[in-house]
Amino acid sequence: MNKKMKALGLLVFFALVAAAPLLAQEAAGPSETKASLYRLSIIVGGAIITLAAAAGAFCQAKAISSACEGISRNPGAAPHIRFLLLLGLILIETLVIYALLVTFIILMVKWGKYT
């Protein structure tokens, strides 16, 4: 089993462990539906921001590593590599901020208001 499959297995395992309290609850009436939707929105919001932050950090580390390697191989191209590195890091961080925005939107919805 390679490292990627091991990491994917751990991710699935922890997702199931996090969702276990929701799966263990009994069916509820209409008054409990709002509360369960709110709990589900908190879990989804937390999952979105966690995965976005982890993916953003991994991509930033890979970009910085590749830029340092490229600059060490060709010091004359350092200004161009540095510019592209900063542009890429800005775009990666923007995607993480968009994920944070989506998380806030999910958490701030008035569940049950339109039903």
Protein backbone atom coordinates (compact mmCIF):
# COMPACT_ATOMS: atom_id res chain seq x y z
CA MET A 1 0.00 0.00 0.00
CA ASN A 2 1.53 3.31 -1.04
CA LYS A 3 1.52 6.52 0.96
CA LYS A 4 -1.35 8.13 -0.96
CA MET A 5 -3.69 5.23 -0.33
CA LYS A 6 -2.72 5.21 3.34
CA ALA A 7 -3.47 8.94 3.62
CA LEU A 8 -6.77 8.52 1.79
CA GLY A 9 -7.73 5.65 4.10
CA LEU A 10 -6.95 7.75 7.17
CA LEU A 11 -8.99 10.63 5.77
CA VAL A 12 -12.01 8.40 5.16
CA PHE A 13 -11.63 6.84 8.62
CA PHE A 14 -11.53 10.20 10.39
CA ALA A 15 -14.48 11.47 8.31
CA LEU A 16 -16.53 8.46 9.41
CA VAL A 17 -15.48 8.93 13.02
CA ALA A 18 -16.50 12.60 12.85
CA ALA A 19 -19.86 11.70 11.29
CA ALA A 20 -20.62 8.88 13.75
CA PRO A 21 -22.66 11.04 16.18
CA LEU A 22 -24.93 12.15 13.35
CA LEU A 23 -25.43 8.61 12.14
CA ALA A 24 -26.27 7.37 15.65
CA GLN A 25 -29.17 9.75 16.22
CA GLU A 26 -32.77 8.68 15.97
CA ALA A 27 -35.24 10.22 13.55
CA ALA A 28 -36.70 13.43 14.91
CA GLY A 29 -39.73 15.60 14.33
CA PRO A 30 -39.84 18.93 12.50
CA SER A 31 -38.53 20.89 15.49
CA GLU A 32 -35.42 18.74 15.62
CA THR A 33 -34.81 19.02 11.88
CA LYS A 34 -33.46 22.58 12.21
CA ALA A 35 -31.03 21.49 14.91
CA SER A 36 -29.78 18.53 12.89
CA LEU A 37 -29.34 20.71 9.79
CA TYR A 38 -27.39 23.20 11.86
CA ARG A 39 -25.13 20.44 13.23
CA LEU A 40 -24.60 19.10 9.73
CA SER A 41 -23.75 22.59 8.47
CA ILE A 42 -21.12 22.95 11.19
CA ILE A 43 -19.54 19.64 10.19
CA VAL A 44 -19.61 20.52 6.47
CA GLY A 45 -18.21 24.00 7.14
CA GLY A 46 -15.43 22.57 9.28
CA ALA A 47 -14.60 19.95 6.65
CA ILE A 48 -14.47 22.54 3.87
CA ILE A 49 -12.11 24.88 5.67
CA THR A 50 -9.95 22.02 6.97
CA LEU A 51 -9.47 20.46 3.55
CA ALA A 52 -8.91 23.84 1.89
CA ALA A 53 -6.30 24.87 4.45
CA ALA A 54 -4.51 21.53 4.21
CA ALA A 55 -4.52 21.54 0.41
CA GLY A 56 -3.42 25.18 0.31
CA ALA A 57 -0.55 24.54 2.71
CA PHE A 58 0.59 21.52 0.71
CA CYS A 59 0.45 23.44 -2.58
CA GLN A 60 2.31 26.41 -1.10
CA ALA A 61 5.04 24.15 0.26
CA LYS A 62 5.40 22.43 -3.10
CA ALA A 63 5.53 25.78 -4.95
CA ILE A 64 8.16 27.22 -2.61
CA SER A 65 10.24 24.05 -2.84
CA SER A 66 10.11 24.05 -6.64
CA ALA A 67 10.94 27.76 -6.82
CA CYS A 68 13.96 27.36 -4.56
CA GLU A 69 15.12 24.43 -6.64
CA GLY A 70 14.66 26.40 -9.86
CA ILE A 71 16.53 29.43 -8.51
CA SER A 72 19.41 27.26 -7.32
CA ARG A 73 19.72 25.67 -10.78
CA ASN A 74 19.48 28.97 -12.68
CA PRO A 75 20.26 32.03 -10.53
CA GLY A 76 19.91 34.33 -13.54
CA ALA A 77 16.19 33.57 -13.77
CA ALA A 78 15.58 34.37 -10.08
CA PRO A 79 13.49 37.53 -10.66
CA HIS A 80 11.13 35.76 -13.07
CA ILE A 81 10.82 32.69 -10.86
CA ARG A 82 10.21 34.88 -7.80
CA PHE A 83 7.46 36.82 -9.59
CA LEU A 84 5.71 33.63 -10.72
CA LEU A 85 6.11 32.15 -7.23
CA LEU A 86 4.46 35.14 -5.58
CA LEU A 87 1.67 35.18 -8.16
CA GLY A 88 1.03 31.48 -7.59
CA LEU A 89 1.08 31.86 -3.80
CA ILE A 90 -1.39 34.74 -4.02
CA LEU A 91 -3.76 32.64 -6.14
CA ILE A 92 -3.47 29.64 -3.80
CA GLU A 93 -4.18 31.82 -0.76
CA THR A 94 -7.15 33.39 -2.57
CA LEU A 95 -8.67 29.94 -3.06
CA VAL A 96 -8.32 29.24 0.67
CA ILE A 97 -9.99 32.57 1.46
CA TYR A 98 -12.84 31.65 -0.91
CA ALA A 99 -13.24 28.37 1.00
CA LEU A 100 -13.40 30.37 4.24
CA LEU A 101 -16.10 32.56 2.69
CA VAL A 102 -18.11 29.50 1.64
CA THR A 103 -17.75 28.13 5.17
CA PHE A 104 -19.10 31.35 6.66
CA ILE A 105 -22.02 31.30 4.23
CA ILE A 106 -22.86 27.71 5.18
CA LEU A 107 -22.68 28.52 8.88
CA MET A 108 -24.76 31.70 8.68
CA VAL A 109 -27.74 30.28 6.77
CA LYS A 110 -30.96 30.50 8.77
CA TRP A 111 -31.90 26.82 8.60
CA GLY A 112 -35.63 26.23 8.47
CA LYS A 113 -36.53 29.86 7.71
CA TYR A 114 -37.83 29.03 4.24
CA THR A 115 -39.56 25.74 5.03
